[in-house]
PDB file of N, CA and C in Angstrom:
ATOM      1  N   UNK A   1       0.839  -1.201   0.000  1.00  0.00           N
ATOM      2  CA  UNK A   1       0.000   0.000   0.000  1.00  0.00           C
ATOM      3  C   UNK A   1       0.876   1.254   0.000  1.00  0.00           C
ATOM      4  N   UNK A   2       0.612   2.174  -0.915  1.00  0.00           N
ATOM      5  CA  UNK A   2       1.405   3.408  -0.929  1.00  0.00           C
ATOM      6  C   UNK A   2       1.027   4.327   0.233  1.00  0.00           C
ATOM      7  N   UNK A   3       2.011   4.989   0.762  1.00  0.00           N
ATOM      8  CA  UNK A   3       1.768   5.901   1.884  1.00  0.00           C
ATOM      9  C   UNK A   3       1.131   7.189   1.377  1.00  0.00           C
ATOM     10  N   UNK A   4      -0.060   7.467   1.904  1.00  0.00           N
ATOM     11  CA  UNK A   4      -0.776   8.665   1.484  1.00  0.00           C
ATOM     12  C   UNK A   4      -0.648   9.737   2.556  1.00  0.00           C
ATOM     13  N   UNK A   5      -0.743  10.976   2.121  1.00  0.00           N
ATOM     14  CA  UNK A   5      -0.563  12.086   3.049  1.00  0.00           C
ATOM     15  C   UNK A   5      -1.781  12.227   3.960  1.00  0.00           C
ATOM     16  N   UNK A   6      -1.602  12.719   5.170  1.00  0.00           N
ATOM     17  CA  UNK A   6      -2.759  12.918   6.072  1.00  0.00           C
ATOM     18  C   UNK A   6      -3.780  13.886   5.522  1.00  0.00           C
ATOM     19  N   UNK A   7      -3.300  14.851   4.725  1.00  0.00           N
ATOM     20  CA  UNK A   7      -4.250  15.794   4.136  1.00  0.00           C
ATOM     21  C   UNK A   7      -5.230  15.085   3.212  1.00  0.00           C
ATOM     22  N   UNK A   8      -4.732  14.128   2.442  1.00  0.00           N
ATOM     23  CA  UNK A   8      -5.606  13.367   1.554  1.00  0.00           C
ATOM     24  C   UNK A   8      -6.650  12.608   2.361  1.00  0.00           C
ATOM     25  N   UNK A   9      -6.228  11.986   3.458  1.00  0.00           N
ATOM     26  CA  UNK A   9      -7.182  11.243   4.281  1.00  0.00           C
ATOM     27  C   UNK A   9      -8.212  12.175   4.899  1.00  0.00           C
ATOM     28  N   UNK A  10      -7.787  13.355   5.320  1.00  0.00           N
ATOM     29  CA  UNK A  10      -8.713  14.305   5.916  1.00  0.00           C
ATOM     30  C   UNK A  10      -9.753  14.767   4.895  1.00  0.00           C
ATOM     31  N   UNK A  11      -9.282  15.090   3.694  1.00  0.00           N
ATOM     32  CA  UNK A  11     -10.214  15.563   2.660  1.00  0.00           C
ATOM     33  C   UNK A  11     -11.174  14.455   2.262  1.00  0.00           C
ATOM     34  N   UNK A  12     -10.666  13.249   2.093  1.00  0.00           N
ATOM     35  CA  UNK A  12     -11.542  12.148   1.677  1.00  0.00           C
ATOM     36  C   UNK A  12     -12.571  11.827   2.765  1.00  0.00           C
ATOM     37  N   UNK A  13     -12.149  11.838   4.020  1.00  0.00           N
ATOM     38  CA  UNK A  13     -13.111  11.564   5.098  1.00  0.00           C
ATOM     39  C   UNK A  13     -14.153  12.666   5.185  1.00  0.00           C
ATOM     40  N   UNK A  14     -13.742  13.916   4.976  1.00  0.00           N
ATOM     41  CA  UNK A  14     -14.715  15.004   4.983  1.00  0.00           C
ATOM     42  C   UNK A  14     -15.708  14.864   3.846  1.00  0.00           C
ATOM     43  N   UNK A  15     -15.238  14.460   2.685  1.00  0.00           N
ATOM     44  CA  UNK A  15     -16.140  14.264   1.559  1.00  0.00           C
ATOM     45  C   UNK A  15     -17.133  13.144   1.843  1.00  0.00           C
ATOM     46  N   UNK A  16     -16.654  12.044   2.418  1.00  0.00           N
ATOM     47  CA  UNK A  16     -17.542  10.929   2.740  1.00  0.00           C
ATOM     48  C   UNK A  16     -18.578  11.364   3.771  1.00  0.00           C
ATOM     49  N   UNK A  17     -18.144  12.092   4.786  1.00  0.00           N
ATOM     50  CA  UNK A  17     -19.085  12.567   5.795  1.00  0.00           C
ATOM     51  C   UNK A  17     -20.110  13.513   5.193  1.00  0.00           C
ATOM     52  N   UNK A  18     -19.659  14.389   4.307  1.00  0.00           N
ATOM     53  CA  UNK A  18     -20.581  15.310   3.644  1.00  0.00           C
ATOM     54  C   UNK A  18     -21.610  14.561   2.818  1.00  0.00           C
ATOM     55  N   UNK A  19     -21.174  13.552   2.073  1.00  0.00           N
ATOM     56  CA  UNK A  19     -22.112  12.775   1.260  1.00  0.00           C
ATOM     57  C   UNK A  19     -23.107  12.037   2.138  1.00  0.00           C
ATOM     58  N   UNK A  20     -22.634  11.447   3.221  1.00  0.00           N
ATOM     59  CA  UNK A  20     -23.544  10.731   4.116  1.00  0.00           C
ATOM     60  C   UNK A  20     -24.561  11.683   4.742  1.00  0.00           C
ATOM     61  N   UNK A  21     -24.106  12.832   5.172  1.00  0.00           N
ATOM     62  CA  UNK A  21     -25.022  13.792   5.780  1.00  0.00           C
ATOM     63  C   UNK A  21     -26.048  14.282   4.777  1.00  0.00           C
ATOM     64  N   UNK A  22     -25.620  14.552   3.557  1.00  0.00           N
ATOM     65  CA  UNK A  22     -26.567  15.021   2.548  1.00  0.00           C
ATOM     66  C   UNK A  22     -27.588  13.938   2.219  1.00  0.00           C
ATOM     67  N   UNK A  23     -27.133  12.686   2.119  1.00  0.00           N
ATOM     68  CA  UNK A  23     -28.084  11.602   1.846  1.00  0.00           C
ATOM     69  C   UNK A  23     -29.065  11.438   2.997  1.00  0.00           C
ATOM     70  N   UNK A  24     -28.584  11.557   4.226  1.00  0.00           N
ATOM     71  CA  UNK A  24     -29.474  11.437   5.369  1.00  0.00           C
ATOM     72  C   UNK A  24     -30.489  12.573   5.391  1.00  0.00           C
ATOM     73  N   UNK A  25     -30.053  13.777   5.080  1.00  0.00           N
ATOM     74  CA  UNK A  25     -30.972  14.920   5.058  1.00  0.00           C
ATOM     75  C   UNK A  25     -32.024  14.730   3.980  1.00  0.00           C
ATOM     76  N   UNK A  26     -31.590  14.304   2.798  1.00  0.00           N
ATOM     77  CA  UNK A  26     -32.550  14.094   1.707  1.00  0.00           C
ATOM     78  C   UNK A  26     -33.534  12.990   2.068  1.00  0.00           C
ATOM     79  N   UNK A  27     -33.041  11.908   2.649  1.00  0.00           N
ATOM     80  CA  UNK A  27     -33.925  10.811   3.038  1.00  0.00           C
ATOM     81  C   UNK A  27     -34.913  11.260   4.116  1.00  0.00           C
ATOM     82  N   UNK A  28     -34.443  12.032   5.089  1.00  0.00           N
ATOM     83  CA  UNK A  28     -35.314  12.520   6.153  1.00  0.00           C
ATOM     84  C   UNK A  28     -36.393  13.446   5.593  1.00  0.00           C
ATOM     85  N   UNK A  29     -35.997  14.329   4.674  1.00  0.00           N
ATOM     86  CA  UNK A  29     -36.966  15.242   4.083  1.00  0.00           C
ATOM     87  C   UNK A  29     -37.961  14.484   3.210  1.00  0.00           C
ATOM     88  N   UNK A  30     -37.496  13.449   2.549  1.00  0.00           N
ATOM     89  CA  UNK A  30     -38.420  12.647   1.747  1.00  0.00           C
ATOM     90  C   UNK A  30     -39.442  11.948   2.632  1.00  0.00           C
ATOM     91  N   UNK A  31     -39.013  11.462   3.788  1.00  0.00           N
ATOM     92  CA  UNK A  31     -39.943  10.778   4.667  1.00  0.00           C
ATOM     93  C   UNK A  31     -40.895  11.762   5.337  1.00  0.00           C
ATOM     94  N   UNK A  32     -40.427  12.988   5.591  1.00  0.00           N
ATOM     95  CA  UNK A  32     -41.292  13.970   6.255  1.00  0.00           C
ATOM     96  C   UNK A  32     -42.240  14.598   5.241  1.00  0.00           C
ATOM     97  N   UNK A  33     -41.671  15.245   4.233  1.00  0.00           N
ATOM     98  CA  UNK A  33     -42.511  15.949   3.254  1.00  0.00           C
ATOM     99  C   UNK A  33     -41.764  15.980   1.932  1.00  0.00           C
ATOM    100  N   UNK A  34     -42.379  15.436   0.906  1.00  0.00           N
ATOM    101  CA  UNK A  34     -41.697  15.326  -0.383  1.00  0.00           C
ATOM    102  C   UNK A  34     -41.647  16.663  -1.110  1.00  0.00           C
ATOM    103  N   UNK A  35     -42.491  17.620  -0.739  1.00  0.00           N
ATOM    104  CA  UNK A  35     -42.509  18.901  -1.444  1.00  0.00           C
ATOM    105  C   UNK A  35     -41.439  19.850  -0.945  1.00  0.00           C
ATOM    106  N   UNK A  36     -40.876  19.592   0.230  1.00  0.00           N
ATOM    107  CA  UNK A  36     -39.871  20.493   0.785  1.00  0.00           C
ATOM    108  C   UNK A  36     -38.457  20.079   0.413  1.00  0.00           C
ATOM    109  N   UNK A  37     -38.295  19.030  -0.390  1.00  0.00           N
ATOM    110  CA  UNK A  37     -36.950  18.556  -0.721  1.00  0.00           C
ATOM    111  C   UNK A  37     -36.236  19.563  -1.606  1.00  0.00           C
ATOM    112  N   UNK A  38     -36.941  20.111  -2.604  1.00  0.00           N
ATOM    113  CA  UNK A  38     -36.291  21.031  -3.530  1.00  0.00           C
ATOM    114  C   UNK A  38     -35.819  22.283  -2.813  1.00  0.00           C
ATOM    115  N   UNK A  39     -36.667  22.855  -1.981  1.00  0.00           N
ATOM    116  CA  UNK A  39     -36.261  24.065  -1.268  1.00  0.00           C
ATOM    117  C   UNK A  39     -35.116  23.770  -0.301  1.00  0.00           C
ATOM    118  N   UNK A  40     -35.138  22.600   0.339  1.00  0.00           N
ATOM    119  CA  UNK A  40     -34.064  22.237   1.253  1.00  0.00           C
ATOM    120  C   UNK A  40     -32.755  22.087   0.488  1.00  0.00           C
ATOM    121  N   UNK A  41     -32.808  21.437  -0.670  1.00  0.00           N
ATOM    122  CA  UNK A  41     -31.592  21.273  -1.459  1.00  0.00           C
ATOM    123  C   UNK A  41     -31.058  22.620  -1.924  1.00  0.00           C
ATOM    124  N   UNK A  42     -31.946  23.525  -2.312  1.00  0.00           N
ATOM    125  CA  UNK A  42     -31.498  24.848  -2.749  1.00  0.00           C
ATOM    126  C   UNK A  42     -30.857  25.596  -1.597  1.00  0.00           C
ATOM    127  N   UNK A  43     -31.458  25.513  -0.415  1.00  0.00           N
ATOM    128  CA  UNK A  43     -30.883  26.195   0.751  1.00  0.00           C
ATOM    129  C   UNK A  43     -29.527  25.586   1.103  1.00  0.00           C
ATOM    130  N   UNK A  44     -29.413  24.257   1.033  1.00  0.00           N
ATOM    131  CA  UNK A  44     -28.145  23.620   1.351  1.00  0.00           C
ATOM    132  C   UNK A  44     -27.075  24.021   0.344  1.00  0.00           C
ATOM    133  N   UNK A  45     -27.433  24.058  -0.928  1.00  0.00           N
ATOM    134  CA  UNK A  45     -26.444  24.436  -1.930  1.00  0.00           C
ATOM    135  C   UNK A  45     -26.014  25.890  -1.740  1.00  0.00           C
ATOM    136  N   UNK A  46     -26.978  26.765  -1.434  1.00  0.00           N
ATOM    137  CA  UNK A  46     -26.624  28.163  -1.205  1.00  0.00           C
ATOM    138  C   UNK A  46     -25.754  28.304   0.041  1.00  0.00           C
ATOM    139  N   UNK A  47     -25.994  27.454   1.029  1.00  0.00           N
ATOM    140  CA  UNK A  47     -25.223  27.563   2.264  1.00  0.00           C
ATOM    141  C   UNK A  47     -23.808  27.028   2.069  1.00  0.00           C
ATOM    142  N   UNK A  48     -23.661  25.914   1.367  1.00  0.00           N
ATOM    143  CA  UNK A  48     -22.333  25.318   1.191  1.00  0.00           C
ATOM    144  C   UNK A  48     -21.502  26.087   0.174  1.00  0.00           C
ATOM    145  N   UNK A  49     -22.131  26.621  -0.857  1.00  0.00           N
ATOM    146  CA  UNK A  49     -21.353  27.315  -1.882  1.00  0.00           C
ATOM    147  C   UNK A  49     -21.432  28.825  -1.674  1.00  0.00           C
TER     148      UNK A  49
END
C-alpha cells in the first residue's frame, strides 16, 4: 500500500461525511414531506457554496 498524506485522508473523510449527511438529510426530508426537498436542497447548496 502506498503511503498517502494525512491531508488526503482528511479531505476524503470530509467528503464521505458530507455525502452521508446530505443523503441522510434528503432521506429525512423525503420521509417527512416530499414537497420540501427542492427548497431544502437549494438552501443547502446556497449555504455550502
